[in-house]
Protein backbone atom coordinates (compact mmCIF):
# COMPACT_ATOMS: atom_id res chain seq x y z
CA MET A 1 39.19 10.94 69.81
CA ASP A 2 38.21 7.42 71.02
CA MET A 3 35.56 5.19 69.42
CA ASP A 4 32.92 5.90 72.06
CA THR A 5 33.19 9.61 71.34
CA ILE A 6 32.90 9.02 67.58
CA VAL A 7 29.83 6.81 67.96
CA GLU A 8 28.21 9.27 70.36
CA LYS A 9 28.82 12.10 67.87
CA TRP A 10 27.44 10.19 64.88
CA PHE A 11 24.27 9.14 66.70
CA SER A 12 23.71 12.23 68.83
CA THR A 13 20.58 13.47 66.98
CA ARG A 14 17.38 11.89 65.71
CA GLU A 15 18.17 12.83 62.10
CA GLN A 16 21.57 11.14 62.28
CA LYS A 17 20.02 7.98 63.64
CA ILE A 18 17.47 7.90 60.78
CA THR A 19 20.20 8.51 58.18
CA TRP A 20 22.34 5.70 59.51
CA SER A 21 19.37 3.34 59.70
CA ILE A 22 18.53 3.94 56.04
CA SER A 23 22.15 3.53 55.01
CA LEU A 24 22.41 0.27 56.94
CA ALA A 25 19.25 -1.03 55.21
CA PHE A 26 20.75 -0.29 51.78
CA PHE A 27 23.99 -2.02 52.73
CA ILE A 28 22.01 -5.14 53.60
CA ILE A 29 19.35 -5.12 50.85
CA PHE A 30 21.50 -4.31 47.80
CA PRO A 31 23.82 -7.34 48.03
CA VAL A 32 20.83 -9.62 48.67
CA TYR A 33 18.95 -8.16 45.65
CA PHE A 34 21.81 -8.52 43.20
CA ALA A 35 22.65 -11.98 44.45
CA ASN A 36 19.07 -13.14 43.80
CA ILE A 37 18.09 -10.97 40.80
CA ALA A 38 17.44 -14.04 38.65
CA ALA A 39 14.50 -14.90 40.92
CA PHE A 40 12.78 -11.68 39.81
CA LEU A 41 13.08 -12.48 36.07
CA PRO A 42 10.73 -14.61 33.92
CA ASP A 43 11.55 -18.30 33.52
CA ASN A 44 14.60 -18.93 31.30
CA ALA A 45 15.58 -15.24 31.41
CA MET A 46 18.87 -13.82 32.60
CA ILE A 47 20.74 -10.54 32.64
CA GLY A 48 23.17 -10.09 29.78
CA GLY A 49 25.60 -7.37 28.78
CA ASP A 50 24.81 -4.56 26.35
CA GLY A 51 22.05 -6.65 24.76
CA GLY A 52 19.90 -6.52 27.90
CA ALA A 53 17.91 -9.44 29.26
CA THR A 54 18.26 -12.80 27.55
CA GLY A 55 15.82 -15.68 27.58
CA THR A 56 13.06 -17.26 25.52
CA TRP A 57 10.66 -14.87 23.82
CA ASP A 58 7.48 -14.53 21.81
CA VAL A 59 8.08 -12.20 18.85
CA THR A 60 5.02 -10.64 17.21
CA PHE A 61 4.56 -7.90 14.60
CA THR A 62 1.98 -5.16 14.11
CA GLU A 63 1.74 -3.48 10.71
CA SER A 64 0.16 -0.11 10.00
CA ASP A 65 -0.23 2.16 7.00
CA VAL A 66 2.21 5.06 7.37
CA THR A 67 0.99 6.77 4.21
CA THR A 68 -0.96 5.97 1.05
CA SER A 69 -1.44 7.76 -2.25
CA GLU A 70 -2.85 7.20 -5.72
CA SER A 71 -2.40 8.64 -9.20
CA THR A 72 -4.30 8.04 -12.46
CA GLU A 73 -3.24 8.77 -16.06
CA PHE A 74 -4.66 7.98 -19.49
CA LEU A 75 -1.98 6.35 -21.64
CA MET A 76 -1.96 5.79 -25.39
CA ASP A 77 -0.77 2.61 -27.06
CA GLY A 78 3.00 2.32 -26.66
CA GLU A 79 3.20 5.35 -24.37
CA GLU A 80 5.51 5.29 -21.34
CA PHE A 81 4.67 7.25 -18.22
CA ILE A 82 6.52 7.47 -14.89
CA PHE A 83 4.46 7.66 -11.70
CA GLU A 84 6.50 9.14 -8.83
CA PHE A 85 6.22 8.98 -5.06
CA THR A 86 8.68 10.35 -2.45
CA PHE A 87 9.02 9.19 1.16
CA THR A 88 11.68 10.74 3.41
CA ASP A 89 10.35 10.49 6.99
CA GLU A 90 13.01 8.77 9.13
CA ALA A 91 10.80 8.36 12.21
CA PRO A 92 8.71 5.26 11.42
CA ASN A 93 10.19 1.78 11.19
CA LEU A 94 9.21 0.48 7.73
CA ALA A 95 8.55 -3.11 6.67
CA TYR A 96 7.80 -2.70 2.97
CA VAL A 97 6.25 -0.54 0.25
CA GLU A 98 3.45 -1.82 -1.99
CA ILE A 99 2.83 -0.49 -5.50
CA THR A 100 -0.42 -1.63 -7.10
CA VAL A 101 -1.15 -1.12 -10.81
CA SER A 102 -4.78 -1.45 -11.90
CA HIS A 103 -7.03 -0.69 -14.89
CA GLY A 104 -10.22 -1.77 -16.56
CA GLU A 105 -11.16 -2.07 -20.23
CA THR A 106 -13.28 0.93 -20.99
CA ASP A 107 -12.59 2.22 -24.52
CA GLU A 108 -12.99 -0.69 -26.93
CA SER A 109 -15.85 -0.16 -29.36
CA GLY A 110 -16.14 -0.70 -33.06
CA PRO A 111 -18.41 -1.46 -35.98
CA ASN A 112 -18.33 -5.23 -35.43
CA PRO A 113 -20.22 -6.30 -32.27
CA LEU A 114 -18.77 -9.81 -32.63
CA ALA A 115 -15.20 -8.62 -32.18
CA GLN A 116 -13.83 -9.81 -28.86
CA ASP A 117 -12.86 -7.20 -26.27
CA GLN A 118 -9.34 -7.81 -24.97
CA CYS A 119 -7.76 -6.46 -21.80
CA ASP A 120 -4.86 -4.08 -22.39
CA ASN A 121 -1.47 -4.72 -20.83
CA ALA A 122 0.12 -2.18 -18.47
CA VAL A 123 3.74 -3.27 -18.10
CA GLY A 124 5.24 -1.94 -14.85
CA GLU A 125 8.92 -1.46 -13.97
CA MET A 126 10.18 0.08 -10.71
CA ARG A 127 13.07 2.54 -11.03
CA MET A 128 14.83 2.29 -7.65
CA GLY A 129 17.99 4.30 -8.27
CA GLN A 130 16.84 7.17 -6.03
CA VAL A 131 15.80 4.94 -3.09
CA ASN A 132 18.14 4.27 -0.18
CA GLU A 133 18.60 0.49 -0.12
CA PHE A 134 16.02 -2.30 -0.23
CA ILE A 135 16.08 -6.10 -0.02
CA ARG A 136 16.58 -7.04 -3.65
CA PRO A 137 16.08 -10.86 -3.51
CA ASP A 138 12.77 -10.48 -1.64
CA SER A 139 11.35 -7.58 -3.66
CA THR A 140 9.16 -7.53 -6.77
CA THR A 141 10.13 -4.70 -9.12
CA SER A 142 8.20 -5.57 -12.29
CA GLY A 143 4.82 -6.87 -13.42
CA ASP A 144 2.17 -6.90 -16.15
CA SER A 145 -1.58 -7.18 -16.51
CA GLY A 146 -1.53 -10.82 -17.56
CA SER A 147 -4.11 -12.51 -19.74
CA PRO A 148 -6.09 -10.45 -22.30
CA ASN A 149 -9.22 -12.12 -20.91
CA ASP A 150 -8.72 -10.93 -17.31
CA CYS A 151 -10.13 -7.43 -16.96
CA PRO A 152 -10.30 -5.47 -14.77
CA ALA A 153 -6.61 -6.21 -14.24
CA SER A 154 -4.48 -5.59 -11.15
CA TYR A 155 -1.05 -6.60 -9.86
CA THR A 156 1.17 -5.55 -6.96
CA MET A 157 4.91 -5.00 -6.69
CA VAL A 158 6.40 -5.16 -3.18
CA ILE A 159 9.64 -3.47 -2.09
CA MET A 160 10.94 -5.20 1.05
CA LEU A 161 12.94 -3.07 3.50
CA ILE A 162 13.77 -5.62 6.24
CA GLU A 163 15.61 -8.82 5.40
CA ASN A 164 13.68 -12.08 5.87
CA TYR A 165 10.55 -10.32 7.12
CA THR A 166 7.32 -12.29 6.58
CA GLY A 167 5.02 -10.90 9.27
CA ASP A 168 4.70 -14.31 10.95
CA SER A 169 5.02 -14.53 14.75
CA TYR A 170 7.64 -16.87 16.16
CA GLN A 171 9.49 -17.95 19.31
CA THR A 172 13.21 -17.65 19.84
CA SER A 173 15.93 -17.46 22.48
CA GLY A 174 18.60 -14.81 22.88
CA ALA A 175 19.11 -11.19 23.88
CA LYS A 176 15.98 -9.05 23.67
CA GLY A 177 17.86 -6.07 22.24
CA ALA A 178 19.42 -8.15 19.48
CA ILE A 179 16.03 -9.55 18.48
CA GLN A 180 14.52 -6.07 18.25
CA ASP A 181 17.47 -4.87 16.17
CA MET A 182 16.84 -7.66 13.64
CA TRP A 183 13.53 -6.06 12.69
CA SER A 184 14.73 -2.52 12.10
CA ASP A 185 14.67 -0.92 8.64
CA ASN A 186 18.08 0.72 9.29
CA GLY A 187 16.99 3.75 7.29
CA ASN A 188 16.15 1.72 4.17
CA GLY A 189 13.42 2.76 1.78
CA ARG A 190 13.74 6.55 1.90
CA GLY A 191 13.85 8.44 -1.35
CA GLU A 192 12.00 8.77 -4.63
CA TYR A 193 10.12 5.76 -5.98
CA ARG A 194 9.49 5.77 -9.73
CA CYS A 195 7.09 3.35 -11.40
CA GLN A 196 7.36 3.31 -15.20
CA ILE A 197 4.24 2.06 -16.98
CA THR A 198 4.26 1.11 -20.66
CA LEU A 199 0.84 0.50 -22.19
CA GLU A 200 0.33 -2.24 -24.76
CA THR A 201 -3.18 -2.09 -26.23
CA ARG A 202 -5.00 -5.17 -27.44
CA SER A 203 -7.60 -4.43 -30.07
CA GLY A 204 -9.61 -7.62 -30.02
CA ASP A 205 -9.91 -10.45 -32.52
CA ASN A 206 -11.23 -9.83 -36.01
CA PRO A 207 -13.68 -12.65 -36.83
CA GLY A 208 -13.48 -14.15 -40.29
CA PRO A 209 -10.81 -13.85 -42.96
CA GLY A 210 -8.41 -10.97 -43.20
CA PRO A 211 -5.75 -9.40 -41.00
CA SER A 212 -6.31 -8.75 -37.31
CA PRO A 213 -6.78 -6.11 -36.20
CA GLY A 214 -8.63 -4.98 -39.28
CA PRO A 215 -11.38 -2.54 -40.14
CA THR A 216 -13.96 -4.63 -38.28
CA SER A 217 -11.89 -5.00 -35.09
CA ASN A 218 -12.57 -2.93 -32.00
CA ASN A 219 -11.11 0.54 -31.90
CA GLU A 220 -8.33 0.93 -29.33
CA ASP A 221 -6.73 4.23 -28.40
CA GLY A 222 -5.44 3.70 -24.88
CA GLU A 223 -6.38 3.05 -21.28
CA GLU A 224 -6.74 4.78 -17.93
CA ILE A 225 -4.07 3.44 -15.54
CA THR A 226 -4.09 3.85 -11.75
CA VAL A 227 -0.97 3.38 -9.61
CA SER A 228 -1.46 3.19 -5.82
CA TRP A 229 1.24 3.41 -3.14
CA ARG A 230 1.16 1.99 0.39
CA VAL A 231 4.02 2.50 2.85
CA VAL A 232 3.75 -0.03 5.69
CA GLY A 233 5.20 0.61 9.15
CA LEU A 234 6.23 -2.12 11.59
CA GLU A 235 6.18 -2.43 15.38
CA THR A 236 7.93 -5.43 16.94
CA THR A 237 6.80 -6.79 20.32
CA VAL A 238 9.16 -9.09 22.25
CA THR A 239 7.59 -10.66 25.35
CA PRO A 240 9.05 -13.31 27.71
CA ILE A 241 7.66 -16.81 27.63
CA VAL A 242 6.65 -17.72 31.19
CA ASP A 243 6.47 -21.38 32.09
CA SER A 244 3.11 -21.74 33.83
CA SER A 245 3.27 -25.52 34.31
CA LEU A 246 3.18 -26.87 37.85
CA SER A 247 6.25 -28.74 39.06
């Protein structure tokens, strides 16, 4: 079969002519597209390997409350109580967990109205043995109510789940995929959080001579302690920096 016969056979119908026209267009357009793909990317961007596009990027963060909870207990002087909270959902990307301990001074009263009310001390200690990994150098796992003159009292312990995370936006260069991977929790922070509170009551000064606290000091039985939990999710946005200056 000679070439003229082959060509006549391939282009003998309208459908065959359309098919060959489309194929010819692809043969021409594809090489041109891939040869000039950089022209379709933002300034300073280029195609990389497994990490995807590389270039210069704006990196911003959006935080949201994944879940919150709160528990309140009345503790006696010297009593220890463990507040517990469990988080096991693997779906959200977590930035950190906040544990806030708070209380007022509500139960001091006594025969001497001149005796000074003093704020009790709720000493907090996080028990993290049942939690899957966290960033130890960046986390706060203990606290106390502080000065006896500062009531109502409140303090917060923060368990960081992503290394070096501050929440601040920044600019950087590199592969987009690698930047996004930097801000992943990698499954950290799942498990049972346990906050142990030990109450230290302060009975107030006893004016005048004699031991303190004495019979004229304020009565002090205990305090109502509230522990609040806040699990914070994180979404990372990586957008190309486009040079809009005129050349």
